Amino acid sequence: MLAYYWVYSVSASIAAGQVKVSKVTAIQWYQHFRDICSRWLVQNPLRLDGPGTVVQIDESVSAKPKYGVGHAPDCEPFRYFCGSTYRCTNDVEWFWKNAKQKVKKMSGTCDAHLTSYMDEFIWRQLNGKKTQNVFDNLLDQIAAFYPV
């Protein structure tokens, strides 16, 4: 049941209340689902090379100083590639605007989890934007990674 709430991007706190588990349990399961996303991305890398393909590399800062003073947390900048998946600047800008909005909506996240949230975002873009597709793909990938 937690997978259902994760697919619909319901917060772990609300999902925990709905299925009557602790918030810690829901958070751990949500992290497990993000781990599935990360594992899938590692096993299914985007191919960015080939004849006539132009690959542009840029970076974006994922954190800024709190209250505008001090230094930003030590975190790796997001790196994105413009290749066979995202062909024009507008697509790339839209993609990262939405990715950053997801993190902002969560009121930020700790550096240790930022990569898994970005993996989840990219995985969702590649595995269906319709919730039924996301749910089916999540279950298929869990079954593939953990055969019985």
Protein backbone atom coordinates (compact mmCIF):
# COMPACT_ATOMS: atom_id res chain seq x y z
CA MET A 1 0.00 0.00 0.00
CA LEU A 2 2.90 2.39 0.64
CA ALA A 3 3.97 1.91 -2.99
CA TYR A 4 0.57 3.26 -4.06
CA TYR A 5 1.09 6.45 -2.05
CA TRP A 6 4.68 6.81 -3.29
CA VAL A 7 3.49 6.53 -6.90
CA TYR A 8 1.06 9.39 -6.27
CA SER A 9 3.84 11.43 -4.59
CA VAL A 10 2.00 11.53 -1.27
CA SER A 11 4.35 12.53 1.55
CA ALA A 12 5.69 9.73 3.73
CA SER A 13 4.08 11.34 6.79
CA ILE A 14 0.60 11.26 5.28
CA ALA A 15 1.12 7.77 3.83
CA ALA A 16 2.23 6.50 7.25
CA GLY A 17 -1.00 7.75 8.80
CA GLN A 18 -3.12 6.24 6.05
CA VAL A 19 -1.63 2.75 6.28
CA LYS A 20 -1.09 2.84 10.04
CA VAL A 21 2.70 2.45 10.15
CA SER A 22 5.28 4.65 11.80
CA LYS A 23 6.64 7.63 9.91
CA VAL A 24 10.11 6.06 10.11
CA THR A 25 8.82 2.88 8.42
CA ALA A 26 7.18 4.89 5.64
CA ILE A 27 10.36 6.93 5.10
CA GLN A 28 12.43 3.74 4.90
CA TRP A 29 10.07 2.23 2.32
CA TYR A 30 10.10 5.45 0.29
CA GLN A 31 13.90 5.31 0.33
CA HIS A 32 13.70 1.70 -0.83
CA PHE A 33 11.53 2.77 -3.79
CA ARG A 34 14.07 5.50 -4.65
CA ASP A 35 16.82 2.86 -4.43
CA ILE A 36 14.90 0.86 -7.05
CA CYS A 37 14.90 3.97 -9.25
CA SER A 38 18.65 4.45 -8.75
CA ARG A 39 19.39 0.81 -9.48
CA TRP A 40 17.30 0.89 -12.65
CA LEU A 41 19.09 4.02 -13.87
CA VAL A 42 22.48 2.37 -13.29
CA GLN A 43 21.40 -0.72 -15.24
CA ASN A 44 19.74 1.30 -18.01
CA PRO A 45 22.06 4.23 -18.70
CA LEU A 46 21.06 6.78 -21.28
CA ARG A 47 23.25 6.57 -24.34
CA LEU A 48 24.52 10.02 -25.16
CA ASP A 49 26.93 9.30 -27.97
CA GLY A 50 26.69 8.30 -31.59
CA PRO A 51 27.17 9.78 -35.03
CA GLY A 52 25.76 13.28 -35.31
CA THR A 53 24.82 13.54 -31.64
CA VAL A 54 25.68 16.77 -29.86
CA VAL A 55 26.11 16.45 -26.12
CA GLN A 56 26.07 19.63 -24.06
CA ILE A 57 27.11 19.50 -20.43
CA ASP A 58 26.13 22.10 -17.87
CA GLU A 59 25.66 22.23 -14.14
CA SER A 60 23.27 23.80 -11.71
CA VAL A 61 23.78 24.61 -8.06
CA SER A 62 21.52 22.51 -5.85
CA ALA A 63 21.96 24.49 -2.63
CA LYS A 64 22.52 28.04 -1.56
CA PRO A 65 23.68 29.61 1.68
CA LYS A 66 21.08 29.70 4.42
CA TYR A 67 19.80 33.27 4.96
CA GLY A 68 22.27 34.39 2.29
CA VAL A 69 25.30 34.12 4.58
CA GLY A 70 27.99 31.53 5.15
CA HIS A 71 28.68 28.87 2.58
CA ALA A 72 26.46 26.42 0.78
CA PRO A 73 26.35 22.81 2.02
CA ASP A 74 29.03 20.63 0.50
CA CYS A 75 27.01 18.88 -2.17
CA GLU A 76 27.74 17.79 -5.69
CA PRO A 77 26.10 20.04 -8.30
CA PHE A 78 23.40 18.55 -10.45
CA ARG A 79 24.83 17.60 -13.80
CA TYR A 80 22.65 17.21 -16.79
CA PHE A 81 23.17 16.14 -20.34
CA CYS A 82 21.44 17.35 -23.45
CA GLY A 83 21.46 14.56 -25.96
CA SER A 84 19.06 12.08 -27.46
CA THR A 85 16.43 12.53 -24.71
CA TYR A 86 16.31 16.33 -24.31
CA ARG A 87 17.05 18.02 -27.62
CA CYS A 88 16.53 21.71 -27.06
CA THR A 89 17.40 24.23 -24.37
CA ASN A 90 13.74 24.78 -23.48
CA ASP A 91 13.30 21.06 -22.74
CA VAL A 92 16.36 21.01 -20.51
CA GLU A 93 15.32 24.18 -18.70
CA TRP A 94 11.80 22.77 -18.17
CA PHE A 95 13.23 19.50 -16.88
CA TRP A 96 15.47 21.17 -14.28
CA LYS A 97 12.84 23.72 -13.27
CA ASN A 98 10.53 20.83 -12.40
CA ALA A 99 13.29 18.85 -10.67
CA LYS A 100 14.20 21.83 -8.50
CA GLN A 101 10.52 22.51 -7.74
CA LYS A 102 10.20 18.97 -6.41
CA VAL A 103 13.07 19.55 -3.97
CA LYS A 104 11.71 22.98 -3.04
CA LYS A 105 8.24 21.50 -2.43
CA MET A 106 9.84 19.15 0.11
CA SER A 107 11.40 22.19 1.85
CA GLY A 108 14.76 20.94 0.70
CA THR A 109 16.45 17.71 1.66
CA CYS A 110 19.68 16.67 3.27
CA ASP A 111 22.68 16.24 1.00
CA ALA A 112 22.83 12.50 1.65
CA HIS A 113 19.41 11.95 0.02
CA LEU A 114 19.55 14.49 -2.79
CA THR A 115 20.91 12.04 -5.36
CA SER A 116 18.17 9.50 -4.67
CA TYR A 117 15.47 12.18 -5.05
CA MET A 118 16.97 13.24 -8.37
CA ASP A 119 17.16 9.59 -9.48
CA GLU A 120 13.49 9.21 -8.60
CA PHE A 121 12.62 12.32 -10.61
CA ILE A 122 14.54 11.12 -13.68
CA TRP A 123 13.15 7.58 -13.30
CA ARG A 124 9.59 8.95 -13.24
CA GLN A 125 10.28 10.94 -16.42
CA LEU A 126 11.53 7.81 -18.19
CA ASN A 127 9.06 5.27 -16.76
CA GLY A 128 5.77 6.96 -17.43
CA LYS A 129 4.20 10.14 -16.24
CA LYS A 130 0.81 8.47 -15.82
CA THR A 131 0.47 6.99 -12.35
CA GLN A 132 -0.65 3.56 -13.58
CA ASN A 133 2.48 3.28 -15.74
CA VAL A 134 4.66 4.36 -12.82
CA PHE A 135 3.00 1.81 -10.54
CA ASP A 136 3.29 -1.03 -13.08
CA ASN A 137 6.94 -0.19 -13.83
CA LEU A 138 7.82 0.03 -10.13
CA LEU A 139 6.32 -3.41 -9.45
CA ASP A 140 7.98 -4.89 -12.56
CA GLN A 141 11.36 -3.55 -11.49
CA ILE A 142 10.96 -4.76 -7.91
CA ALA A 143 10.13 -8.22 -9.29
CA ALA A 144 13.16 -8.12 -11.61
CA PHE A 145 15.58 -6.99 -8.90
CA TYR A 146 14.20 -9.36 -6.24
CA PRO A 147 13.04 -12.55 -7.98
CA VAL A 148 11.25 -15.04 -5.77
